[in-house]
Protein backbone atom coordinates (compact mmCIF):
# COMPACT_ATOMS: atom_id res chain seq x y z
CA GLU A 1 200.48 -5.73 -50.19
CA HIS A 2 202.54 -3.19 -48.23
CA GLY A 3 205.50 -5.47 -47.51
CA TRP A 4 205.01 -5.93 -43.77
CA ALA A 5 205.81 -9.65 -44.09
CA GLY A 6 209.25 -8.75 -45.46
CA ILE A 7 210.36 -5.66 -43.54
CA THR A 8 214.01 -5.92 -44.67
CA TRP A 9 213.31 -7.43 -48.09
CA PRO A 10 213.90 -5.26 -51.17
CA THR A 11 210.98 -3.13 -52.32
CA GLU A 12 211.34 -4.37 -55.91
CA TYR A 13 210.21 -7.82 -54.71
CA GLY A 14 207.40 -6.64 -52.45
CA GLY A 15 209.29 -5.96 -49.22
CA ARG A 16 209.59 -2.67 -47.33
CA GLY A 17 213.35 -2.18 -47.78
CA ALA A 18 213.75 -1.29 -44.10
CA THR A 19 216.68 -1.89 -41.78
CA PRO A 20 217.16 -4.92 -39.50
CA ALA A 21 216.60 -2.63 -36.49
CA GLN A 22 213.22 -1.57 -37.87
CA SER A 23 212.33 -5.22 -38.37
CA ILE A 24 213.14 -5.97 -34.73
CA ILE A 25 211.00 -3.05 -33.57
CA PHE A 26 208.11 -4.23 -35.75
CA GLY A 27 208.44 -7.75 -34.28
CA GLN A 28 208.36 -6.37 -30.75
CA GLU A 29 205.25 -4.32 -31.47
CA LEU A 30 203.56 -7.27 -33.19
CA ALA A 31 204.22 -9.45 -30.12
CA ASP A 32 201.95 -7.19 -28.06
CA PHE A 33 199.03 -8.37 -30.19
CA ASP A 34 199.78 -12.11 -29.87
CA ALA A 35 199.69 -12.35 -33.66
CA THR A 36 201.46 -15.12 -35.52
CA SER A 37 201.87 -15.97 -39.15
CA GLY A 38 202.79 -19.57 -38.29
CA PHE A 39 203.61 -21.65 -41.34
CA ILE A 40 203.90 -18.57 -43.52
CA ALA A 41 206.67 -17.19 -41.28
CA ALA A 42 208.61 -20.44 -41.69
CA SER A 43 208.35 -20.03 -45.47
CA HIS A 44 209.67 -16.51 -45.19
CA GLN A 45 212.53 -17.49 -42.87
CA LEU A 46 213.62 -20.74 -44.55
CA VAL A 47 212.77 -20.20 -48.22
CA GLY A 48 212.92 -16.46 -48.82
CA PRO A 49 216.57 -15.82 -47.86
CA PRO A 50 218.06 -18.41 -50.23
CA LEU A 51 215.76 -17.30 -53.06
CA LEU A 52 216.68 -13.65 -52.49
CA ARG A 53 220.39 -14.40 -52.36
CA PHE A 54 220.79 -17.13 -54.98
CA GLY A 55 217.68 -17.04 -57.16
CA THR A 56 217.77 -15.64 -60.65
CA GLU A 57 216.19 -12.25 -61.25
CA GLU A 58 213.26 -14.00 -62.94
CA GLN A 59 212.79 -16.34 -59.94
CA LYS A 60 212.85 -13.44 -57.47
CA ARG A 61 210.32 -11.39 -59.44
CA ARG A 62 208.05 -14.39 -59.98
CA TYR A 63 208.08 -15.99 -56.51
CA ILE A 64 209.03 -13.50 -53.78
CA PRO A 65 206.05 -11.08 -53.99
CA ALA A 66 203.53 -13.96 -54.01
CA MET A 67 205.37 -15.58 -51.08
CA LEU A 68 205.23 -12.36 -49.04
CA ARG A 69 201.50 -11.97 -49.72
CA ALA A 70 200.94 -15.68 -48.86
CA ASP A 71 199.34 -16.16 -52.27
CA GLU A 72 201.65 -19.17 -52.60
CA LEU A 73 202.91 -21.33 -49.74
CA TRP A 74 206.35 -22.90 -49.65
CA CYS A 75 208.24 -25.74 -47.99
CA GLN A 76 211.91 -26.62 -47.63
CA MET A 77 213.03 -30.08 -48.77
CA PHE A 78 216.51 -30.50 -47.30
CA SER A 79 216.45 -33.27 -44.62
CA GLU A 80 216.66 -36.94 -45.54
CA PRO A 81 216.12 -40.15 -43.55
CA GLY A 82 219.67 -41.44 -44.12
CA ALA A 83 221.46 -38.14 -43.58
CA GLY A 84 220.41 -37.31 -40.01
CA SER A 85 221.86 -33.95 -39.02
CA ASP A 86 224.52 -34.24 -41.75
CA LEU A 87 222.79 -32.39 -44.57
CA ALA A 88 225.76 -32.82 -46.91
CA ALA A 89 225.21 -36.61 -46.81
CA LEU A 90 222.01 -36.26 -48.84
CA SER A 91 221.34 -38.96 -51.42
CA THR A 92 218.44 -37.54 -53.45
CA ARG A 93 219.75 -37.43 -57.02
CA ALA A 94 219.08 -35.12 -59.94
CA GLU A 95 220.28 -36.05 -63.42
CA ARG A 96 220.25 -33.68 -66.38
CA ASP A 97 218.01 -34.72 -69.29
CA GLY A 98 218.04 -32.02 -71.95
CA ASP A 99 216.27 -28.92 -70.61
CA GLU A 100 215.15 -30.72 -67.44
CA TRP A 101 216.51 -32.39 -64.35
CA VAL A 102 215.05 -35.75 -63.29
CA VAL A 103 214.95 -36.14 -59.51
CA ASN A 104 214.67 -39.32 -57.45
CA GLY A 105 214.88 -39.59 -53.68
CA GLN A 106 213.17 -38.94 -50.38
CA LYS A 107 212.95 -36.01 -47.98
CA VAL A 108 211.64 -36.09 -44.42
CA TRP A 109 210.56 -33.61 -41.72
CA THR A 110 209.27 -31.31 -44.46
CA SER A 111 207.08 -28.84 -42.61
CA GLY A 112 203.80 -28.03 -44.35
CA ALA A 113 204.57 -29.89 -47.59
CA GLN A 114 200.95 -31.05 -47.78
CA HIS A 115 199.86 -27.39 -48.07
CA ALA A 116 202.74 -26.03 -50.14
CA ASP A 117 202.46 -24.81 -53.71
CA PHE A 118 206.24 -24.73 -54.17
CA GLY A 119 209.33 -25.99 -52.42
CA ILE A 120 213.05 -25.54 -52.43
CA LEU A 121 215.00 -28.75 -52.86
CA LEU A 122 218.61 -29.84 -52.49
CA ALA A 123 219.70 -32.76 -54.63
CA ARG A 124 223.03 -34.36 -55.49
CA THR A 125 223.89 -33.56 -59.11
CA ASP A 126 227.46 -34.91 -59.11
CA PRO A 127 227.73 -38.19 -57.19
CA ASP A 128 231.52 -38.26 -57.66
CA ALA A 129 232.14 -34.85 -56.10
CA PRO A 130 233.31 -34.48 -52.49
CA LYS A 131 230.52 -34.46 -49.92
CA HIS A 132 229.86 -30.69 -49.74
CA LYS A 133 230.15 -30.25 -53.49
CA GLY A 134 228.02 -31.59 -56.32
CA ILE A 135 224.76 -30.47 -54.67
CA THR A 136 222.28 -28.25 -56.55
CA PHE A 137 219.40 -26.06 -55.33
CA PHE A 138 216.06 -26.27 -57.18
CA VAL A 139 212.68 -24.53 -57.09
CA VAL A 140 209.99 -27.22 -57.35
CA ASP A 141 206.29 -26.97 -58.16
CA MET A 142 204.78 -29.33 -55.56
CA ARG A 143 202.07 -30.40 -58.05
CA THR A 144 204.67 -31.95 -60.37
CA PRO A 145 203.93 -35.58 -61.25
CA GLY A 146 206.06 -38.00 -59.24
CA ILE A 147 205.82 -36.11 -55.93
CA ASP A 148 204.14 -38.15 -53.18
CA ILE A 149 203.57 -36.35 -49.87
CA ARG A 150 202.87 -38.46 -46.80
CA PRO A 151 202.07 -36.64 -43.54
CA LEU A 152 203.80 -37.90 -40.38
CA VAL A 153 201.32 -38.17 -37.50
CA GLN A 154 202.80 -36.75 -34.29
CA ALA A 155 201.94 -37.91 -30.77
CA THR A 156 199.53 -34.97 -30.56
CA GLY A 157 197.67 -36.22 -33.63
CA LEU A 158 198.87 -33.25 -35.69
CA THR A 159 200.58 -33.66 -39.04
CA HIS A 160 202.97 -30.71 -39.25
CA PHE A 161 205.81 -32.75 -40.79
CA ASN A 162 205.84 -34.88 -43.92
CA GLU A 163 207.82 -37.38 -45.89
CA VAL A 164 208.18 -36.40 -49.54
CA PHE A 165 208.98 -39.07 -52.11
CA LEU A 166 210.30 -37.93 -55.48
CA THR A 167 210.07 -40.44 -58.33
CA ASP A 168 211.24 -39.32 -61.77
CA VAL A 169 210.21 -35.74 -60.95
CA ARG A 170 211.04 -33.50 -63.91
CA ILE A 171 212.22 -30.01 -63.02
CA PRO A 172 212.90 -27.39 -65.73
CA ALA A 173 216.56 -26.36 -65.93
CA GLU A 174 215.58 -22.72 -65.32
CA ASN A 175 214.44 -23.75 -61.83
CA VAL A 176 218.04 -24.15 -60.65
CA GLY A 177 218.85 -21.52 -58.04
CA GLY A 178 222.46 -20.39 -57.97
CA GLU A 179 225.13 -22.45 -59.69
CA VAL A 180 224.77 -26.10 -60.70
CA HIS A 181 226.74 -28.09 -58.08
CA GLY A 182 226.86 -24.95 -55.89
CA GLY A 183 223.92 -25.85 -53.65
CA TRP A 184 225.90 -26.14 -50.42
CA ALA A 185 226.30 -22.35 -50.30
CA VAL A 186 222.55 -22.05 -50.81
CA ALA A 187 221.86 -24.56 -48.00
CA ARG A 188 223.89 -22.48 -45.56
CA ALA A 189 221.80 -19.33 -46.10
CA PRO A 190 218.66 -20.44 -44.17
CA LEU A 191 220.75 -22.42 -41.68
CA ALA A 192 222.64 -19.24 -40.79
C-alpha cells in the first residue's frame, strides 16, 4: 500500500516516486533480512516496465497499483518453441476482427503462468512486415477462453515454467499496449 514494491515507480500508479539510488539502498537493506518477493519480483521487473512505458493511461491506472500490491499476478509470454533466443522470429499470430484481436500460437518458458491473472503477450500482427516489425504488444486476461496452460516439470520436480497454447483467444482492441505493429520497442524494455 505504501509503494515499497515499486520504489522508483510513479506515485500516481502506487509507487514511491523515489530515485534509482534510493531503490538500490532499499534493496541492500532488504537483503539483510533474507526477504524475497520471488515470482512477484519477476512480474515487477518483466511486466511493469513495459506497461509503465508503453501502456495507455487507462492500462497503467487499472493494472499497475494492483500489480505492486500483488493483488494480481502477471506473466510474460514472449518466448516460443520455434524462435529460440531470436525473439523477433515469433510466429504467434493476432488478426484483427472488429473490436478484438484473435490470437493463435504457442509460448514456452512462461514463468508462473499457472498462477497468473494477467500476462503480457507479443504476437505477429503483420506477417508481411520485416522480422522486427509487425509485432504487437497485448495485455491478456489469463482466464480468457482458448488459453491452455501446461506446466513443464523440471528435473527437481518443480513446475516454475509453462507452455501456453493460445487457440482463437479473443483480446479486446483496447488491450494493445503501445502502437499496433510497434511491439518490438515494447519487447526491448524488459530485456534492457
